[in-house]
PDB file of N, CA and C in Angstrom:
ATOM      1  N   MET A   1     104.736 127.038 103.481  1.00  0.00           N
ATOM      2  CA  MET A   1     103.840 125.853 103.033  1.00  0.00           C
ATOM      3  C   MET A   1     102.609 126.884 101.947  1.00  0.00           C
ATOM      4  N   ASN A   2     102.373 125.598 101.275  1.00  0.00           N
ATOM      5  CA  ASN A   2     101.340 125.579 100.105  1.00  0.00           C
ATOM      6  C   ASN A   2      99.985 125.043 100.829  1.00  0.00           C
ATOM      7  N   SER A   3      98.902 125.930  99.966  1.00  0.00           N
ATOM      8  CA  SER A   3      97.520 125.219 100.188  1.00  0.00           C
ATOM      9  C   SER A   3      97.825 123.781  99.995  1.00  0.00           C
ATOM     10  N   ASP A   4      98.010 123.018  99.325  1.00  0.00           N
ATOM     11  CA  ASP A   4      97.878 122.013  99.335  1.00  0.00           C
ATOM     12  C   ASP A   4      97.896 120.911 100.761  1.00  0.00           C
ATOM     13  N   PHE A   5      99.068 121.440 101.120  1.00  0.00           N
ATOM     14  CA  PHE A   5      99.451 121.014 102.625  1.00  0.00           C
ATOM     15  C   PHE A   5      98.552 121.147 103.428  1.00  0.00           C
ATOM     16  N   TYR A   6      97.730 121.832 103.489  1.00  0.00           N
ATOM     17  CA  TYR A   6      96.365 122.319 104.577  1.00  0.00           C
ATOM     18  C   TYR A   6      95.446 121.718 104.165  1.00  0.00           C
ATOM     19  N   ILE A   7      94.941 121.118 102.999  1.00  0.00           N
ATOM     20  CA  ILE A   7      93.853 120.528 102.828  1.00  0.00           C
ATOM     21  C   ILE A   7      94.222 119.328 103.207  1.00  0.00           C
ATOM     22  N   LYS A   8      95.678 118.717 102.742  1.00  0.00           N
ATOM     23  CA  LYS A   8      95.936 117.405 103.018  1.00  0.00           C
ATOM     24  C   LYS A   8      95.788 117.206 104.546  1.00  0.00           C
ATOM     25  N   LEU A   9      96.282 118.012 105.416  1.00  0.00           N
ATOM     26  CA  LEU A   9      96.074 118.523 106.517  1.00  0.00           C
ATOM     27  C   LEU A   9      94.554 117.744 107.370  1.00  0.00           C
ATOM     28  N   GLY A  10      94.226 118.907 106.770  1.00  0.00           N
ATOM     29  CA  GLY A  10      92.758 118.767 106.912  1.00  0.00           C
ATOM     30  C   GLY A  10      91.687 117.362 107.085  1.00  0.00           C
ATOM     31  N   LYS A  11      92.143 116.397 105.848  1.00  0.00           N
ATOM     32  CA  LYS A  11      91.774 116.009 105.476  1.00  0.00           C
ATOM     33  C   LYS A  11      91.930 114.185 106.242  1.00  0.00           C
ATOM     34  N   ASN A  12      93.408 114.094 106.678  1.00  0.00           N
ATOM     35  CA  ASN A  12      93.785 113.724 107.628  1.00  0.00           C
ATOM     36  C   ASN A  12      93.332 114.118 109.576  1.00  0.00           C
ATOM     37  N   ILE A  13      93.146 115.053 109.612  1.00  0.00           N
ATOM     38  CA  ILE A  13      92.334 115.568 111.168  1.00  0.00           C
ATOM     39  C   ILE A  13      90.910 114.918 111.065  1.00  0.00           C
ATOM     40  N   LYS A  14      90.099 114.991 109.446  1.00  0.00           N
ATOM     41  CA  LYS A  14      89.099 114.537 109.876  1.00  0.00           C
ATOM     42  C   LYS A  14      88.678 113.135 109.545  1.00  0.00           C
ATOM     43  N   LYS A  15      89.585 112.628 108.743  1.00  0.00           N
ATOM     44  CA  LYS A  15      89.799 110.992 108.834  1.00  0.00           C
ATOM     45  C   LYS A  15      90.115 110.454 110.165  1.00  0.00           C
ATOM     46  N   ARG A  16      91.179 110.650 110.693  1.00  0.00           N
ATOM     47  CA  ARG A  16      91.188 110.788 112.370  1.00  0.00           C
ATOM     48  C   ARG A  16      90.575 110.874 113.373  1.00  0.00           C
ATOM     49  N   ARG A  17      89.865 112.168 113.211  1.00  0.00           N
ATOM     50  CA  ARG A  17      88.548 112.247 114.289  1.00  0.00           C
ATOM     51  C   ARG A  17      87.371 111.309 114.285  1.00  0.00           C
ATOM     52  N   LYS A  18      86.989 111.038 112.325  1.00  0.00           N
ATOM     53  CA  LYS A  18      86.001 109.879 112.400  1.00  0.00           C
ATOM     54  C   LYS A  18      86.489 108.550 112.919  1.00  0.00           C
ATOM     55  N   GLU A  19      88.014 108.070 112.439  1.00  0.00           N
ATOM     56  CA  GLU A  19      88.007 106.666 113.030  1.00  0.00           C
ATOM     57  C   GLU A  19      87.904 106.787 114.439  1.00  0.00           C
ATOM     58  N   LEU A  20      88.083 108.056 115.455  1.00  0.00           N
ATOM     59  CA  LEU A  20      87.454 107.687 116.881  1.00  0.00           C
ATOM     60  C   LEU A  20      86.424 107.914 116.824  1.00  0.00           C
ATOM     61  N   GLY A  21      85.142 108.182 116.139  1.00  0.00           N
ATOM     62  CA  GLY A  21      84.315 108.586 116.294  1.00  0.00           C
ATOM     63  C   GLY A  21      83.684 109.505 117.012  1.00  0.00           C
ATOM     64  N   LEU A  22      84.290 110.640 116.411  1.00  0.00           N
ATOM     65  CA  LEU A  22      83.860 112.065 116.946  1.00  0.00           C
ATOM     66  C   LEU A  22      83.038 113.268 115.991  1.00  0.00           C
ATOM     67  N   THR A  23      82.442 114.057 116.320  1.00  0.00           N
ATOM     68  CA  THR A  23      81.516 114.608 116.019  1.00  0.00           C
ATOM     69  C   THR A  23      82.822 115.952 115.971  1.00  0.00           C
ATOM     70  N   GLN A  24      82.831 116.958 114.533  1.00  0.00           N
ATOM     71  CA  GLN A  24      83.216 118.049 114.130  1.00  0.00           C
ATOM     72  C   GLN A  24      83.524 119.048 115.785  1.00  0.00           C
ATOM     73  N   GLN A  25      82.086 118.725 116.100  1.00  0.00           N
ATOM     74  CA  GLN A  25      81.787 119.790 117.180  1.00  0.00           C
ATOM     75  C   GLN A  25      82.424 118.560 119.092  1.00  0.00           C
ATOM     76  N   GLN A  26      82.202 117.615 119.016  1.00  0.00           N
ATOM     77  CA  GLN A  26      82.764 117.358 119.897  1.00  0.00           C
ATOM     78  C   GLN A  26      84.521 117.543 120.139  1.00  0.00           C
ATOM     79  N   LEU A  27      85.010 117.356 118.721  1.00  0.00           N
ATOM     80  CA  LEU A  27      86.689 117.431 118.811  1.00  0.00           C
ATOM     81  C   LEU A  27      86.500 119.030 118.775  1.00  0.00           C
ATOM     82  N   ALA A  28      85.797 119.840 118.335  1.00  0.00           N
ATOM     83  CA  ALA A  28      86.155 121.423 119.032  1.00  0.00           C
ATOM     84  C   ALA A  28      85.657 121.922 120.174  1.00  0.00           C
ATOM     85  N   ASP A  29      84.948 121.049 121.220  1.00  0.00           N
ATOM     86  CA  ASP A  29      84.855 121.117 122.450  1.00  0.00           C
ATOM     87  C   ASP A  29      86.383 120.766 123.571  1.00  0.00           C
ATOM     88  N   LYS A  30      86.645 119.503 123.076  1.00  0.00           N
ATOM     89  CA  LYS A  30      87.996 118.694 123.480  1.00  0.00           C
ATOM     90  C   LYS A  30      89.292 119.581 122.913  1.00  0.00           C
ATOM     91  N   MET A  31      89.241 120.506 121.776  1.00  0.00           N
ATOM     92  CA  MET A  31      90.351 121.546 121.438  1.00  0.00           C
ATOM     93  C   MET A  31      90.467 122.606 121.977  1.00  0.00           C
ATOM     94  N   ASN A  32      89.186 123.317 122.902  1.00  0.00           N
ATOM     95  CA  ASN A  32      88.695 124.129 123.069  1.00  0.00           C
ATOM     96  C   ASN A  32      89.047 125.755 122.701  1.00  0.00           C
ATOM     97  N   ILE A  33      88.369 124.996 120.734  1.00  0.00           N
ATOM     98  CA  ILE A  33      87.805 125.641 119.648  1.00  0.00           C
ATOM     99  C   ILE A  33      86.483 125.908 119.131  1.00  0.00           C
ATOM    100  N   SER A  34      85.896 127.250 118.553  1.00  0.00           N
ATOM    101  CA  SER A  34      84.726 127.230 117.925  1.00  0.00           C
ATOM    102  C   SER A  34      84.549 125.877 117.083  1.00  0.00           C
ATOM    103  N   LEU A  35      83.208 125.577 116.687  1.00  0.00           N
ATOM    104  CA  LEU A  35      82.885 124.759 115.305  1.00  0.00           C
ATOM    105  C   LEU A  35      83.430 125.039 114.714  1.00  0.00           C
ATOM    106  N   ASN A  36      82.715 126.390 114.421  1.00  0.00           N
ATOM    107  CA  ASN A  36      83.461 127.220 112.781  1.00  0.00           C
ATOM    108  C   ASN A  36      84.725 127.236 112.568  1.00  0.00           C
ATOM    109  N   PHE A  37      85.844 127.783 113.240  1.00  0.00           N
ATOM    110  CA  PHE A  37      87.285 126.913 113.154  1.00  0.00           C
ATOM    111  C   PHE A  37      87.477 126.039 112.747  1.00  0.00           C
ATOM    112  N   MET A  38      87.258 125.355 114.017  1.00  0.00           N
ATOM    113  CA  MET A  38      87.568 123.290 113.300  1.00  0.00           C
ATOM    114  C   MET A  38      86.271 122.926 112.377  1.00  0.00           C
ATOM    115  N   GLY A  39      85.740 123.298 111.637  1.00  0.00           N
ATOM    116  CA  GLY A  39      84.813 123.036 110.125  1.00  0.00           C
ATOM    117  C   GLY A  39      86.410 123.656 109.219  1.00  0.00           C
ATOM    118  N   LYS A  40      86.639 125.400 109.398  1.00  0.00           N
ATOM    119  CA  LYS A  40      87.819 125.647 108.179  1.00  0.00           C
ATOM    120  C   LYS A  40      88.752 125.252 108.258  1.00  0.00           C
ATOM    121  N   ILE A  41      89.533 124.146 109.521  1.00  0.00           N
ATOM    122  CA  ILE A  41      90.658 123.881 109.199  1.00  0.00           C
ATOM    123  C   ILE A  41      90.353 122.756 108.685  1.00  0.00           C
ATOM    124  N   GLU A  42      89.179 121.484 108.850  1.00  0.00           N
ATOM    125  CA  GLU A  42      89.384 120.662 107.545  1.00  0.00           C
ATOM    126  C   GLU A  42      89.553 120.885 106.229  1.00  0.00           C
ATOM    127  N   VAL A  43      88.650 121.960 106.325  1.00  0.00           N
ATOM    128  CA  VAL A  43      88.544 122.543 104.565  1.00  0.00           C
ATOM    129  C   VAL A  43      89.579 123.252 104.061  1.00  0.00           C
ATOM    130  N   ALA A  44      90.825 123.521 104.711  1.00  0.00           N
ATOM    131  CA  ALA A  44      91.756 124.526 104.654  1.00  0.00           C
ATOM    132  C   ALA A  44      91.379 125.461 104.174  1.00  0.00           C
ATOM    133  N   PHE A  45      89.857 126.422 105.030  1.00  0.00           N
ATOM    134  CA  PHE A  45      90.149 127.917 105.024  1.00  0.00           C
ATOM    135  C   PHE A  45      90.873 128.610 105.600  1.00  0.00           C
ATOM    136  N   SER A  46      91.066 127.800 107.019  1.00  0.00           N
ATOM    137  CA  SER A  46      92.242 128.152 108.197  1.00  0.00           C
ATOM    138  C   SER A  46      93.228 127.487 108.505  1.00  0.00           C
ATOM    139  N   LYS A  47      94.275 127.863 108.828  1.00  0.00           N
ATOM    140  CA  LYS A  47      95.537 127.309 109.140  1.00  0.00           C
ATOM    141  C   LYS A  47      95.863 126.585 110.632  1.00  0.00           C
ATOM    142  N   PRO A  48      95.903 125.883 111.001  1.00  0.00           N
ATOM    143  CA  PRO A  48      95.935 126.050 112.704  1.00  0.00           C
ATOM    144  C   PRO A  48      97.196 126.233 112.907  1.00  0.00           C
ATOM    145  N   SER A  49      97.763 126.644 113.924  1.00  0.00           N
ATOM    146  CA  SER A  49      99.269 127.344 114.230  1.00  0.00           C
ATOM    147  C   SER A  49      99.997 125.831 115.018  1.00  0.00           C
ATOM    148  N   LEU A  50     101.385 125.722 114.980  1.00  0.00           N
ATOM    149  CA  LEU A  50     101.832 124.518 115.382  1.00  0.00           C
ATOM    150  C   LEU A  50     101.507 123.982 116.984  1.00  0.00           C
ATOM    151  N   ASP A  51     101.054 124.589 118.138  1.00  0.00           N
ATOM    152  CA  ASP A  51     100.684 124.312 119.410  1.00  0.00           C
ATOM    153  C   ASP A  51      99.046 123.970 118.845  1.00  0.00           C
ATOM    154  N   THR A  52      98.443 124.473 117.791  1.00  0.00           N
ATOM    155  CA  THR A  52      97.335 123.918 118.014  1.00  0.00           C
ATOM    156  C   THR A  52      97.312 122.458 117.145  1.00  0.00           C
ATOM    157  N   LEU A  53      98.675 122.349 116.584  1.00  0.00           N
ATOM    158  CA  LEU A  53      98.215 120.936 115.963  1.00  0.00           C
ATOM    159  C   LEU A  53      98.775 119.904 116.671  1.00  0.00           C
ATOM    160  N   ILE A  54      99.769 120.390 117.966  1.00  0.00           N
ATOM    161  CA  ILE A  54     100.460 119.764 118.542  1.00  0.00           C
ATOM    162  C   ILE A  54      98.846 119.078 119.391  1.00  0.00           C
ATOM    163  N   ASP A  55      97.312 119.948 119.846  1.00  0.00           N
ATOM    164  CA  ASP A  55      97.024 119.728 120.442  1.00  0.00           C
ATOM    165  C   ASP A  55      96.034 118.520 119.925  1.00  0.00           C
ATOM    166  N   PHE A  56      96.027 118.517 118.107  1.00  0.00           N
ATOM    167  CA  PHE A  56      95.332 117.862 117.676  1.00  0.00           C
ATOM    168  C   PHE A  56      95.499 116.510 118.003  1.00  0.00           C
ATOM    169  N   ALA A  57      97.064 116.626 117.395  1.00  0.00           N
ATOM    170  CA  ALA A  57      97.945 115.414 117.781  1.00  0.00           C
ATOM    171  C   ALA A  57      97.892 114.487 119.169  1.00  0.00           C
ATOM    172  N   ARG A  58      96.997 115.246 120.119  1.00  0.00           N
ATOM    173  CA  ARG A  58      97.136 115.013 121.450  1.00  0.00           C
ATOM    174  C   ARG A  58      95.748 114.108 121.521  1.00  0.00           C
ATOM    175  N   ILE A  59      95.202 114.965 120.702  1.00  0.00           N
ATOM    176  CA  ILE A  59      93.767 114.762 121.551  1.00  0.00           C
ATOM    177  C   ILE A  59      93.281 113.704 120.504  1.00  0.00           C
ATOM    178  N   LEU A  60      93.827 113.123 119.173  1.00  0.00           N
ATOM    179  CA  LEU A  60      92.966 112.389 118.842  1.00  0.00           C
ATOM    180  C   LEU A  60      94.117 110.807 118.313  1.00  0.00           C
ATOM    181  N   GLU A  61      95.052 111.378 119.397  1.00  0.00           N
ATOM    182  CA  GLU A  61      95.950 109.877 120.347  1.00  0.00           C
ATOM    183  C   GLU A  61      96.546 109.588 119.064  1.00  0.00           C
ATOM    184  N   THR A  62      96.934 110.406 118.280  1.00  0.00           N
ATOM    185  CA  THR A  62      98.183 110.422 117.433  1.00  0.00           C
ATOM    186  C   THR A  62      99.641 110.974 116.769  1.00  0.00           C
ATOM    187  N   THR A  63     100.706 111.156 115.953  1.00  0.00           N
ATOM    188  CA  THR A  63     101.465 111.935 116.316  1.00  0.00           C
ATOM    189  C   THR A  63     101.022 113.138 114.981  1.00  0.00           C
ATOM    190  N   VAL A  64     102.005 114.286 115.372  1.00  0.00           N
ATOM    191  CA  VAL A  64     101.991 115.081 114.147  1.00  0.00           C
ATOM    192  C   VAL A  64     102.621 114.816 113.098  1.00  0.00           C
ATOM    193  N   SER A  65     103.349 113.949 113.543  1.00  0.00           N
ATOM    194  CA  SER A  65     104.074 113.907 111.963  1.00  0.00           C
ATOM    195  C   SER A  65     102.716 112.734 111.543  1.00  0.00           C
ATOM    196  N   ASP A  66     102.096 111.636 112.116  1.00  0.00           N
ATOM    197  CA  ASP A  66     100.972 110.765 111.289  1.00  0.00           C
ATOM    198  C   ASP A  66     100.232 111.924 110.525  1.00  0.00           C
ATOM    199  N   LEU A  67      99.769 113.076 111.051  1.00  0.00           N
ATOM    200  CA  LEU A  67      98.823 114.257 110.491  1.00  0.00           C
ATOM    201  C   LEU A  67      99.081 114.578 109.804  1.00  0.00           C
ATOM    202  N   THR A  68     100.542 114.847 109.735  1.00  0.00           N
ATOM    203  CA  THR A  68     101.296 115.305 108.341  1.00  0.00           C
ATOM    204  C   THR A  68     101.368 114.288 107.463  1.00  0.00           C
ATOM    205  N   LYS A  69     101.879 113.591 107.949  1.00  0.00           N
ATOM    206  CA  LYS A  69     101.882 111.918 106.261  1.00  0.00           C
ATOM    207  C   LYS A  69     101.234 111.892 105.530  1.00  0.00           C
ATOM    208  N   PHE A  70     101.438 112.262 103.966  1.00  0.00           N
ATOM    209  CA  PHE A  70     100.452 112.555 103.034  1.00  0.00           C
ATOM    210  C   PHE A  70     100.521 111.320 102.085  1.00  0.00           C
ATOM    211  N   ASP A  71      99.322 110.865 101.667  1.00  0.00           N
ATOM    212  CA  ASP A  71      99.515 109.744 100.466  1.00  0.00           C
ATOM    213  C   ASP A  71     100.232 110.204  99.337  1.00  0.00           C
ATOM    214  N   LYS A  72     101.320 110.085  98.560  1.00  0.00           N
ATOM    215  CA  LYS A  72     101.763 110.916  96.787  1.00  0.00           C
ATOM    216  C   LYS A  72     100.915 110.866  96.251  1.00  0.00           C
TER     217      LYS A  72
END
């Protein structure tokens, strides 16, 4: 997958996190990942594994499908 996918994924994670009123630190704590890794995912410097993506969907009360659904 190209970097554009991860940029859009990071934006969707950030958007959903903010909709739930969570800071990056709060989400990182719930995910049991570092704040640094959390930030890197949101700006596409790091690529989450499928297991991590599934955890994001569960904690953000959404689906992997919704997190990977991008506007044209």
